[in-house]
């Protein structure tokens, strides 16, 4: 009786434990995956694959290129002189 009193209410961890292999919450499926959130500071836009220049026209009347802040990489960007006309009426050539 004394032994029974001491063990009354004690958890039999061999038989009452939660079987975590069968009952555990699958956090991979239920948790909000914050890695999937779009962090625009860390997602680079690959313009080689997104901008279809055949379908998107650049309206040069409304889009100014700030040449103080945008460097033209002439090593990697060839100017197609067959299809790009230089408007000498509006482009001043600095001969100095």
Protein backbone atom coordinates (compact mmCIF):
# COMPACT_ATOMS: atom_id res chain seq x y z
CA UNK A 1 0.00 0.00 0.00
CA UNK A 2 2.82 2.37 0.85
CA UNK A 3 4.53 1.61 -2.47
CA UNK A 4 1.24 2.08 -4.33
CA UNK A 5 0.77 5.50 -2.73
CA UNK A 6 4.20 6.62 -3.86
CA UNK A 7 3.62 5.56 -7.44
CA UNK A 8 0.03 6.76 -7.79
CA UNK A 9 -0.14 9.44 -10.45
CA UNK A 10 3.38 8.82 -11.71
CA UNK A 11 3.70 8.76 -15.47
CA UNK A 12 4.77 5.45 -16.95
CA UNK A 13 7.01 6.99 -19.56
CA UNK A 14 7.55 3.62 -21.20
CA UNK A 15 3.86 3.31 -22.02
CA UNK A 16 2.43 6.80 -21.91
CA UNK A 17 5.04 8.75 -23.87
CA UNK A 18 3.91 10.50 -27.03
CA UNK A 19 5.13 8.57 -30.03
CA UNK A 20 6.76 11.45 -31.84
CA UNK A 21 7.18 9.33 -34.95
CA UNK A 22 3.42 9.09 -35.32
CA UNK A 23 1.95 12.11 -33.55
CA UNK A 24 4.41 14.94 -34.01
CA UNK A 25 3.24 18.08 -35.80
CA UNK A 26 4.86 18.20 -39.19
CA UNK A 27 6.24 21.72 -39.01
CA UNK A 28 7.65 21.52 -42.53
CA UNK A 29 4.12 21.43 -43.89
CA UNK A 30 2.31 23.69 -41.44
CA UNK A 31 4.79 26.45 -40.66
CA UNK A 32 4.89 29.64 -42.69
CA UNK A 33 7.99 29.30 -44.82
CA UNK A 34 9.55 32.73 -44.47
CA UNK A 35 12.15 31.76 -47.04
CA UNK A 36 9.35 31.88 -49.61
CA UNK A 37 8.53 35.51 -48.88
CA UNK A 38 9.84 37.87 -51.54
CA UNK A 39 12.59 40.00 -50.04
CA UNK A 40 13.09 42.55 -52.79
CA UNK A 41 16.37 43.61 -51.23
CA UNK A 42 17.78 40.15 -51.88
CA UNK A 43 16.04 39.06 -55.08
CA UNK A 44 17.88 40.13 -58.20
CA UNK A 45 15.83 40.57 -61.35
CA UNK A 46 17.48 38.67 -64.17
CA UNK A 47 16.64 40.99 -67.04
CA UNK A 48 18.13 38.54 -69.52
CA UNK A 49 15.19 36.24 -68.92
CA UNK A 50 12.34 38.55 -67.92
CA UNK A 51 12.31 41.51 -70.29
CA UNK A 52 11.21 40.49 -73.78
CA UNK A 53 12.51 43.42 -75.82
CA UNK A 54 10.54 42.22 -78.82
CA UNK A 55 7.34 42.88 -76.91
CA UNK A 56 8.29 45.80 -74.62
CA UNK A 57 9.03 49.12 -76.25
CA UNK A 58 10.97 51.73 -74.29
CA UNK A 59 9.22 55.07 -74.54
CA UNK A 60 12.25 57.35 -74.75
CA UNK A 61 10.03 60.42 -74.64
CA UNK A 62 9.10 59.59 -71.07
CA UNK A 63 12.08 57.59 -69.78
CA UNK A 64 15.28 59.52 -69.25
CA UNK A 65 18.52 57.62 -68.73
CA UNK A 66 20.50 59.23 -65.92
CA UNK A 67 23.98 58.80 -67.35
CA UNK A 68 25.48 60.11 -64.11
CA UNK A 69 24.25 56.99 -62.37
CA UNK A 70 24.02 54.38 -65.12
CA UNK A 71 27.25 53.22 -66.66
CA UNK A 72 27.08 51.64 -70.11
CA UNK A 73 29.22 48.52 -70.21
CA UNK A 74 30.50 48.74 -73.75
CA UNK A 75 32.44 45.52 -73.29
CA UNK A 76 29.22 43.56 -73.04
CA UNK A 77 26.69 45.72 -74.88
CA UNK A 78 27.12 46.02 -78.61
CA UNK A 79 25.38 48.90 -80.38
CA UNK A 80 23.54 47.61 -83.43
CA UNK A 81 24.28 50.44 -85.85
CA UNK A 82 22.12 48.80 -88.50
CA UNK A 83 19.04 49.38 -86.41
CA UNK A 84 19.94 52.35 -84.19
CA UNK A 85 20.08 55.70 -85.93
CA UNK A 86 21.96 58.55 -84.28
CA UNK A 87 19.85 61.70 -84.32
CA UNK A 88 22.55 64.32 -84.93
CA UNK A 89 19.94 67.08 -84.73
CA UNK A 90 19.51 66.43 -81.01
CA UNK A 91 22.82 64.86 -79.96
CA UNK A 92 25.76 67.20 -79.54
CA UNK A 93 29.19 65.69 -80.17
CA UNK A 94 31.82 67.12 -77.85
CA UNK A 95 34.79 67.55 -80.21
CA UNK A 96 36.93 69.17 -77.51
